[in-house]
Protein backbone atom coordinates (compact mmCIF):
# COMPACT_ATOMS: atom_id res chain seq x y z
CA UNK A 1 0.10 -0.05 -0.13
CA UNK A 2 0.95 3.48 -0.88
CA UNK A 3 2.11 5.74 2.06
CA UNK A 4 0.46 8.83 3.06
CA UNK A 5 1.78 12.31 3.45
CA UNK A 6 0.64 12.32 6.90
CA UNK A 7 2.39 8.92 7.71
CA UNK A 8 5.88 10.06 6.78
CA UNK A 9 5.08 13.70 8.87
CA UNK A 10 4.49 11.38 11.79
CA UNK A 11 7.48 9.04 11.32
CA UNK A 12 9.74 12.72 10.99
CA UNK A 13 7.94 13.90 14.15
CA UNK A 14 8.75 10.43 15.93
CA UNK A 15 12.36 11.11 14.74
CA UNK A 16 12.74 14.56 16.09
CA UNK A 17 11.23 13.59 19.58
CA UNK A 18 13.88 10.42 19.80
CA UNK A 19 16.74 12.82 18.44
CA UNK A 20 17.77 13.68 21.99
CA UNK A 21 17.02 10.14 23.69
CA UNK A 22 18.01 7.58 21.20
CA UNK A 23 19.88 8.60 17.87
CA UNK A 24 19.94 5.51 16.49
CA UNK A 25 16.34 5.00 16.60
CA UNK A 26 15.85 8.52 15.05
CA UNK A 27 18.01 7.92 12.21
CA UNK A 28 15.93 4.51 11.56
CA UNK A 29 12.70 6.27 11.58
CA UNK A 30 14.52 9.17 9.57
CA UNK A 31 15.43 6.75 7.00
CA UNK A 32 12.09 5.07 6.93
CA UNK A 33 10.50 8.60 6.39
CA UNK A 34 13.00 9.00 3.36
CA UNK A 35 12.33 5.91 1.49
CA UNK A 36 8.56 6.61 1.58
CA UNK A 37 9.16 10.39 0.69
CA UNK A 38 10.70 9.24 -2.59
CA UNK A 39 7.71 7.04 -2.89
CA UNK A 40 5.40 9.52 -2.71
CA UNK A 41 7.75 11.53 -5.02
CA UNK A 42 7.49 14.37 -2.49
CA UNK A 43 10.28 16.76 -2.87
CA UNK A 44 9.67 18.60 0.22
CA UNK A 45 9.27 15.69 2.46
CA UNK A 46 12.14 14.20 1.03
CA UNK A 47 14.25 17.22 2.03
CA UNK A 48 12.98 17.56 5.50
CA UNK A 49 13.91 13.78 5.61
CA UNK A 50 17.44 14.22 4.20
CA UNK A 51 17.84 17.16 6.78
CA UNK A 52 16.67 15.37 9.61
CA UNK A 53 18.93 12.50 9.28
CA UNK A 54 21.76 15.21 8.64
CA UNK A 55 20.83 16.63 12.24
CA UNK A 56 21.17 12.83 13.66
CA UNK A 57 24.35 12.10 12.02
CA UNK A 58 25.80 15.50 13.11
CA UNK A 59 24.39 14.66 16.70
CA UNK A 60 26.58 11.24 16.39
CA UNK A 61 29.50 12.93 15.36
CA UNK A 62 29.20 11.22 11.65
CA UNK A 63 30.11 14.47 9.70
CA UNK A 64 30.63 12.71 6.38
CA UNK A 65 27.11 11.27 6.59
CA UNK A 66 25.99 14.98 7.91
CA UNK A 67 27.47 16.47 5.18
CA UNK A 68 26.31 14.38 2.31
CA UNK A 69 22.50 14.22 3.43
CA UNK A 70 22.35 17.91 4.10
CA UNK A 71 23.90 18.58 0.59
CA UNK A 72 21.18 16.33 -0.86
CA UNK A 73 18.36 18.21 0.83
CA UNK A 74 19.77 21.44 -0.19
CA UNK A 75 19.58 20.34 -3.88
CA UNK A 76 16.21 19.10 -3.70
CA UNK A 77 15.07 22.32 -1.84
CA UNK A 78 16.91 24.11 -5.18
CA UNK A 79 14.97 22.18 -7.26
CA UNK A 80 12.05 22.81 -5.46
CA UNK A 81 12.76 26.53 -5.56
CA UNK A 82 12.98 26.33 -9.67
CA UNK A 83 9.56 24.44 -9.70
CA UNK A 84 8.09 27.57 -7.86
CA UNK A 85 9.67 30.08 -10.29
CA UNK A 86 8.85 28.03 -13.39
CA UNK A 87 5.06 28.04 -11.75
CA UNK A 88 4.55 31.45 -10.65
CA UNK A 89 5.70 32.46 -14.18
CA UNK A 90 3.18 30.36 -15.93
CA UNK A 91 0.79 31.86 -13.61
CA UNK A 92 1.71 35.14 -14.44
CA UNK A 93 1.65 34.49 -18.17
CA UNK A 94 -1.91 33.34 -18.24
CA UNK A 95 -2.94 36.28 -16.18
CA UNK A 96 -1.62 38.75 -18.68
CA UNK A 97 -3.28 36.27 -21.45
CA UNK A 98 -6.41 36.36 -19.74
CA UNK A 99 -5.96 40.17 -18.75
CA UNK A 100 -5.13 40.76 -22.60
CA UNK A 101 -8.00 38.76 -24.20
CA UNK A 102 -10.15 41.07 -21.89
CA UNK A 103 -9.22 44.10 -23.32
CA UNK A 104 -9.88 42.85 -27.02
CA UNK A 105 -12.73 44.87 -28.68
CA UNK A 106 -12.60 48.21 -26.31
CA UNK A 107 -12.38 51.50 -27.46
CA UNK A 108 -10.34 54.08 -26.23
CA UNK A 109 -10.07 57.80 -26.57
CA UNK A 110 -6.55 58.55 -26.40
CA UNK A 111 -5.12 62.77 -26.11
CA UNK A 112 -1.87 63.14 -26.57
CA UNK A 113 -0.26 66.09 -28.25
CA UNK A 114 3.21 64.75 -28.84
CA UNK A 115 2.92 62.42 -32.13
CA UNK A 116 5.64 59.83 -31.20
CA UNK A 117 4.20 59.09 -27.95
CA UNK A 118 0.78 59.19 -29.33
CA UNK A 119 2.24 56.33 -32.37
CA UNK A 120 3.87 54.00 -29.88
CA UNK A 121 0.83 53.82 -27.64
CA UNK A 122 -1.55 53.37 -30.42
CA UNK A 123 0.72 50.60 -31.93
CA UNK A 124 0.74 48.78 -28.35
CA UNK A 125 -3.12 49.28 -28.10
CA UNK A 126 -3.59 47.60 -31.57
CA UNK A 127 -1.82 44.26 -30.22
CA UNK A 128 -4.00 44.36 -27.26
CA UNK A 129 -7.14 44.21 -29.88
CA UNK A 130 -8.00 48.06 -28.64
CA UNK A 131 -9.42 50.28 -31.40
CA UNK A 132 -7.96 54.02 -30.62
CA UNK A 133 -9.22 57.28 -31.61
CA UNK A 134 -6.35 59.66 -31.07
CA UNK A 135 -6.63 64.10 -30.85
CA UNK A 136 -4.11 66.33 -30.18
CA UNK A 137 -5.25 68.53 -27.63
CA UNK A 138 -8.35 68.85 -24.52
CA UNK A 139 -10.32 70.69 -27.05
CA UNK A 140 -10.87 68.42 -29.07
CA UNK A 141 -10.75 65.56 -26.71
CA UNK A 142 -13.90 66.98 -25.28
CA UNK A 143 -15.56 67.49 -28.55
CA UNK A 144 -14.95 63.64 -29.56
CA UNK A 145 -16.32 62.85 -26.13
CA UNK A 146 -19.89 64.13 -26.83
CA UNK A 147 -20.08 62.21 -30.07
CA UNK A 148 -18.73 58.68 -29.29
CA UNK A 149 -18.98 56.37 -26.63
CA UNK A 150 -15.51 55.11 -25.29
CA UNK A 151 -14.61 52.53 -22.69
CA UNK A 152 -11.79 54.54 -21.44
CA UNK A 153 -9.77 57.59 -22.27
CA UNK A 154 -5.85 58.25 -22.17
CA UNK A 155 -5.56 62.23 -21.05
CA UNK A 156 -2.21 64.05 -21.67
CA UNK A 157 -2.18 66.58 -18.66
CA UNK A 158 0.14 69.32 -20.84
CA UNK A 159 -1.41 70.01 -24.14
CA UNK A 160 -2.26 72.95 -26.21
CA UNK A 161 -5.81 74.78 -26.46
CA UNK A 162 -7.07 73.23 -23.31
CA UNK A 163 -5.12 70.79 -20.98
CA UNK A 164 -5.87 67.38 -19.97
CA UNK A 165 -7.64 68.59 -16.48
CA UNK A 166 -9.67 71.30 -17.98
CA UNK A 167 -10.91 68.86 -20.81
CA UNK A 168 -11.70 66.38 -17.80
CA UNK A 169 -13.36 68.74 -15.66
CA UNK A 170 -16.08 69.19 -18.88
CA UNK A 171 -16.10 65.19 -19.51
CA UNK A 172 -17.25 64.82 -16.22
CA UNK A 173 -19.36 67.96 -15.31
CA UNK A 174 -21.57 68.41 -18.12
CA UNK A 175 -24.01 65.71 -19.80
CA UNK A 176 -21.74 63.79 -21.77
CA UNK A 177 -21.76 59.89 -23.30
CA UNK A 178 -18.38 59.23 -21.38
CA UNK A 179 -19.22 61.19 -18.30
CA UNK A 180 -18.82 58.24 -15.99
CA UNK A 181 -16.43 56.19 -17.99
CA UNK A 182 -12.83 56.01 -16.21
CA UNK A 183 -10.26 58.57 -17.36
CA UNK A 184 -6.73 57.99 -16.85
CA UNK A 185 -3.99 61.18 -16.51
CA UNK A 186 -0.93 60.40 -18.94
CA UNK A 187 1.79 62.77 -17.38
CA UNK A 188 5.77 63.32 -16.24
CA UNK A 189 4.71 64.72 -13.29
CA UNK A 190 5.30 62.64 -10.28
CA UNK A 191 3.24 65.81 -7.89
CA UNK A 192 0.31 66.29 -10.05
CA UNK A 193 -1.30 63.71 -8.01
CA UNK A 194 -0.91 65.44 -4.81
CA UNK A 195 -3.59 68.50 -6.44
CA UNK A 196 -6.62 67.51 -4.47
CA UNK A 197 -8.67 69.47 -7.47
CA UNK A 198 -7.28 66.55 -9.90
CA UNK A 199 -8.07 63.62 -8.09
CA UNK A 200 -12.15 63.11 -8.68
CA UNK A 201 -11.22 63.86 -12.29
CA UNK A 202 -8.88 60.89 -12.51
CA UNK A 203 -9.03 57.24 -12.00
CA UNK A 204 -5.48 56.85 -11.76
CA UNK A 205 -1.84 58.68 -13.09
CA UNK A 206 0.42 56.76 -15.57
CA UNK A 207 3.78 58.80 -15.10
CA UNK A 208 5.61 59.40 -18.66
CA UNK A 209 7.79 57.67 -20.08
CA UNK A 210 5.05 54.80 -19.97
CA UNK A 211 5.37 51.32 -18.49
CA UNK A 212 3.60 48.93 -20.10
CA UNK A 213 2.57 46.48 -17.66
CA UNK A 214 1.27 49.53 -15.43
CA UNK A 215 -1.15 50.72 -18.58
CA UNK A 216 -1.83 46.71 -19.14
CA UNK A 217 -2.96 46.60 -15.40
CA UNK A 218 -4.80 50.17 -15.19
CA UNK A 219 -6.73 49.40 -18.56
CA UNK A 220 -7.48 45.49 -17.26
CA UNK A 221 -9.11 46.88 -14.12
CA UNK A 222 -11.79 48.53 -16.74
CA UNK A 223 -15.22 47.09 -15.61
CA UNK A 224 -16.40 45.24 -19.04
CA UNK A 225 -19.91 47.09 -18.54
CA UNK A 226 -18.37 50.13 -19.78
CA UNK A 227 -18.09 48.35 -23.01
CA UNK A 228 -21.19 49.92 -25.27
CA UNK A 229 -22.01 49.07 -28.74
CA UNK A 230 -22.79 52.41 -30.20
């Protein structure tokens, strides 16, 4: 019959208890735990069993055996750490893929007067399946926001004609198709989010140079209900 994890842990607990009174019995129990851990192919239990054996041999003065078991335990621990890193990386990749799939089909209004910055953002959003309407200043952003429903707005703070703050105020304060949708501020000024007048206008502040991960995370938090087929 295949051993259980609980049985192995019980052996290890007993081996630890015997460590102070009967080292030979402690080694016997730890060796049995090691054998059963290998049957289970449980690397964490194998490492625990090896460490217990190492401690017992060390107490007996057998430094060669203690070192050998300790090094083998370290090897299993390293394997476990590598496996954890791979699992974490896969989980992160799966999460990002899911986030990106949720962004496909969304519509964004981008207000950015720097053509190079705008081109980079548009291309990035395109890769995520997002359709972008681009305007060069706050006045045009406000005008466009009255004509078409968007899922979110990316608003540069410093623009000619009308800055992003004034445009956001108009969108938020007057009847508008987009008065309740998320507006993300784009800015290089790290102090702007300390202005209490700005905070009610923007859902988040995205700092330039724009970081792809932070942009993706911000847009992925936009509720699906904001999408509108109109």
